[in-house]
Amino acid sequence: MKPIIVDTNIIFSALINSHSRIASLLLDSKHTLLMPEFGFVELFKHKEKICKVSKHTPVQPMHYRMHGC
C-alpha cells in the first residue's frame, strides 16, 4: 500500500476529538501515515491548547504520535 501524507490540521482535528470519523480513519488505517516534521513541531507548540480543548492529559496526545500518526 502507498503511504498517505496527512495534513497537520487533520491531526489536530483527530487529537481534539478522538471519537470523530477522522480519528477513526487515521487510527484504523492500513496505510502508513506520514506527516512533515514541522507538523510535530506545530503539535508540540500547541499541545496545551489541544489538551485543554480535548480534555486529554499531556501524555495522551503524544501516544497518537507514536501509535498511528
N, C-alpha and C. Protein backbone atom coordinates (compact mmCIF):
# COMPACT_ATOMS: atom_id res chain seq x y z
N MET A 1 0.83 -1.18 0.00
CA MET A 1 0.00 0.00 0.00
C MET A 1 0.87 1.24 0.00
N LYS A 2 0.38 2.25 -0.67
CA LYS A 2 1.11 3.51 -0.71
C LYS A 2 0.90 4.28 0.58
N PRO A 3 1.93 4.99 1.03
CA PRO A 3 1.76 5.82 2.23
C PRO A 3 0.86 7.02 1.93
N ILE A 4 0.22 7.53 2.96
CA ILE A 4 -0.65 8.69 2.83
C ILE A 4 -0.03 9.83 3.64
N ILE A 5 0.11 10.98 3.00
CA ILE A 5 0.61 12.16 3.69
C ILE A 5 -0.58 12.86 4.32
N VAL A 6 -0.50 13.08 5.63
CA VAL A 6 -1.62 13.64 6.38
C VAL A 6 -1.29 15.08 6.76
N ASP A 7 -2.21 15.98 6.47
CA ASP A 7 -2.07 17.38 6.81
C ASP A 7 -2.11 17.56 8.33
N THR A 8 -1.32 18.48 8.83
CA THR A 8 -1.26 18.73 10.27
C THR A 8 -2.61 19.11 10.84
N ASN A 9 -3.41 19.85 10.09
CA ASN A 9 -4.75 20.24 10.58
C ASN A 9 -5.64 19.02 10.79
N ILE A 10 -5.47 17.99 9.99
CA ILE A 10 -6.23 16.75 10.15
C ILE A 10 -5.82 16.08 11.46
N ILE A 11 -4.53 16.09 11.75
CA ILE A 11 -4.04 15.52 13.00
C ILE A 11 -4.59 16.31 14.19
N PHE A 12 -4.56 17.65 14.09
CA PHE A 12 -5.14 18.48 15.15
C PHE A 12 -6.59 18.07 15.40
N SER A 13 -7.35 17.94 14.34
CA SER A 13 -8.76 17.58 14.46
C SER A 13 -8.94 16.24 15.14
N ALA A 14 -8.14 15.26 14.75
CA ALA A 14 -8.24 13.93 15.34
C ALA A 14 -7.85 13.93 16.82
N LEU A 15 -6.87 14.74 17.18
CA LEU A 15 -6.45 14.82 18.59
C LEU A 15 -7.50 15.52 19.44
N ILE A 16 -8.12 16.54 18.89
CA ILE A 16 -9.13 17.29 19.64
C ILE A 16 -10.38 16.45 19.87
N ASN A 17 -10.76 15.67 18.87
CA ASN A 17 -11.95 14.82 19.01
C ASN A 17 -11.57 13.40 18.62
N SER A 18 -11.10 12.64 19.59
CA SER A 18 -10.59 11.29 19.32
C SER A 18 -11.69 10.30 18.95
N HIS A 19 -12.95 10.70 19.07
CA HIS A 19 -14.07 9.82 18.70
C HIS A 19 -14.66 10.20 17.34
N SER A 20 -14.00 11.09 16.64
CA SER A 20 -14.51 11.55 15.35
C SER A 20 -14.21 10.54 14.25
N ARG A 21 -14.88 10.70 13.15
CA ARG A 21 -14.65 9.84 11.99
C ARG A 21 -13.21 9.99 11.49
N ILE A 22 -12.71 11.20 11.51
CA ILE A 22 -11.32 11.44 11.07
C ILE A 22 -10.35 10.65 11.94
N ALA A 23 -10.52 10.72 13.25
CA ALA A 23 -9.63 9.99 14.16
C ALA A 23 -9.73 8.49 13.90
N SER A 24 -10.94 7.99 13.71
CA SER A 24 -11.12 6.56 13.43
C SER A 24 -10.42 6.15 12.14
N LEU A 25 -10.58 6.97 11.11
CA LEU A 25 -9.94 6.66 9.83
C LEU A 25 -8.42 6.61 9.96
N LEU A 26 -7.86 7.55 10.70
CA LEU A 26 -6.41 7.59 10.87
C LEU A 26 -5.90 6.42 11.70
N LEU A 27 -6.57 6.16 12.80
CA LEU A 27 -6.10 5.11 13.71
C LEU A 27 -6.33 3.71 13.17
N ASP A 28 -7.34 3.54 12.32
CA ASP A 28 -7.64 2.22 11.77
C ASP A 28 -7.05 2.00 10.38
N SER A 29 -6.29 2.96 9.90
CA SER A 29 -5.75 2.88 8.54
C SER A 29 -4.73 1.75 8.41
N LYS A 30 -4.80 1.07 7.29
CA LYS A 30 -3.81 0.03 6.96
C LYS A 30 -2.60 0.65 6.26
N HIS A 31 -2.75 1.92 5.87
CA HIS A 31 -1.69 2.64 5.18
C HIS A 31 -0.68 3.19 6.18
N THR A 32 0.51 3.42 5.72
CA THR A 32 1.49 4.15 6.50
C THR A 32 1.13 5.62 6.40
N LEU A 33 1.00 6.27 7.54
CA LEU A 33 0.64 7.69 7.55
C LEU A 33 1.89 8.52 7.77
N LEU A 34 2.06 9.54 6.95
CA LEU A 34 3.23 10.41 7.03
C LEU A 34 2.79 11.84 7.29
N MET A 35 3.60 12.55 8.04
CA MET A 35 3.36 13.97 8.28
C MET A 35 4.72 14.65 8.29
N PRO A 36 4.81 15.84 7.70
CA PRO A 36 6.10 16.54 7.72
C PRO A 36 6.56 16.80 9.15
N GLU A 37 7.86 16.83 9.34
CA GLU A 37 8.42 17.02 10.67
C GLU A 37 7.93 18.30 11.33
N PHE A 38 7.75 19.36 10.54
CA PHE A 38 7.28 20.60 11.14
C PHE A 38 5.88 20.45 11.73
N GLY A 39 5.13 19.46 11.28
CA GLY A 39 3.82 19.18 11.85
C GLY A 39 3.93 18.77 13.31
N PHE A 40 4.95 17.98 13.62
CA PHE A 40 5.17 17.58 15.01
C PHE A 40 5.58 18.79 15.85
N VAL A 41 6.34 19.69 15.25
CA VAL A 41 6.72 20.93 15.94
C VAL A 41 5.47 21.74 16.27
N GLU A 42 4.56 21.86 15.29
CA GLU A 42 3.31 22.59 15.50
C GLU A 42 2.45 21.93 16.57
N LEU A 43 2.35 20.61 16.53
CA LEU A 43 1.57 19.90 17.55
C LEU A 43 2.14 20.16 18.94
N PHE A 44 3.46 20.09 19.05
CA PHE A 44 4.09 20.31 20.34
C PHE A 44 3.88 21.75 20.81
N LYS A 45 3.98 22.69 19.87
CA LYS A 45 3.82 24.10 20.20
C LYS A 45 2.41 24.38 20.74
N HIS A 46 1.43 23.64 20.25
CA HIS A 46 0.03 23.87 20.63
C HIS A 46 -0.52 22.79 21.55
N LYS A 47 0.36 21.99 22.16
CA LYS A 47 -0.11 20.85 22.95
C LYS A 47 -1.00 21.26 24.12
N GLU A 48 -0.71 22.40 24.75
CA GLU A 48 -1.54 22.82 25.88
C GLU A 48 -2.97 23.13 25.42
N LYS A 49 -3.10 23.79 24.29
CA LYS A 49 -4.44 24.10 23.76
C LYS A 49 -5.15 22.81 23.35
N ILE A 50 -4.43 21.90 22.72
CA ILE A 50 -5.03 20.62 22.33
C ILE A 50 -5.52 19.88 23.56
N CYS A 51 -4.71 19.86 24.60
CA CYS A 51 -5.09 19.17 25.84
C CYS A 51 -6.30 19.83 26.49
N LYS A 52 -6.32 21.15 26.49
CA LYS A 52 -7.43 21.88 27.11
C LYS A 52 -8.74 21.61 26.37
N VAL A 53 -8.72 21.70 25.06
CA VAL A 53 -9.94 21.51 24.26
C VAL A 53 -10.39 20.06 24.26
N SER A 54 -9.46 19.14 24.19
CA SER A 54 -9.79 17.72 24.06
C SER A 54 -9.98 17.03 25.41
N LYS A 55 -9.53 17.68 26.47
CA LYS A 55 -9.56 17.11 27.83
C LYS A 55 -8.64 15.89 27.96
N HIS A 56 -7.62 15.82 27.09
CA HIS A 56 -6.58 14.81 27.22
C HIS A 56 -5.56 15.29 28.24
N THR A 57 -4.84 14.37 28.82
CA THR A 57 -3.68 14.75 29.62
C THR A 57 -2.55 15.02 28.63
N PRO A 58 -1.50 15.72 29.04
CA PRO A 58 -0.40 16.00 28.10
C PRO A 58 0.25 14.75 27.51
N VAL A 59 0.17 13.62 28.16
CA VAL A 59 0.80 12.40 27.65
C VAL A 59 -0.04 11.77 26.54
N GLN A 60 -1.35 11.84 26.62
CA GLN A 60 -2.21 11.17 25.66
C GLN A 60 -2.00 11.62 24.21
N PRO A 61 -1.90 12.94 23.91
CA PRO A 61 -1.67 13.29 22.50
C PRO A 61 -0.38 12.71 21.92
N MET A 62 0.66 12.61 22.72
CA MET A 62 1.91 12.05 22.22
C MET A 62 1.76 10.57 21.93
N HIS A 63 0.83 9.90 22.59
CA HIS A 63 0.55 8.49 22.32
C HIS A 63 0.18 8.33 20.84
N TYR A 64 -0.65 9.25 20.33
CA TYR A 64 -1.06 9.16 18.93
C TYR A 64 0.14 9.31 18.00
N ARG A 65 1.06 10.14 18.40
CA ARG A 65 2.25 10.35 17.57
C ARG A 65 3.01 9.06 17.39
N MET A 66 3.09 8.26 18.42
CA MET A 66 3.88 7.05 18.37
C MET A 66 3.07 5.86 17.87
N HIS A 67 1.76 5.93 17.91
CA HIS A 67 0.92 4.81 17.54
C HIS A 67 -0.13 5.22 16.53
N GLY A 68 0.25 5.37 15.29
CA GLY A 68 -0.73 5.59 14.27
C GLY A 68 -0.53 6.81 13.41
N CYS A 69 0.05 7.88 13.92
CA CYS A 69 0.19 9.10 13.12
C CYS A 69 1.64 9.39 12.84
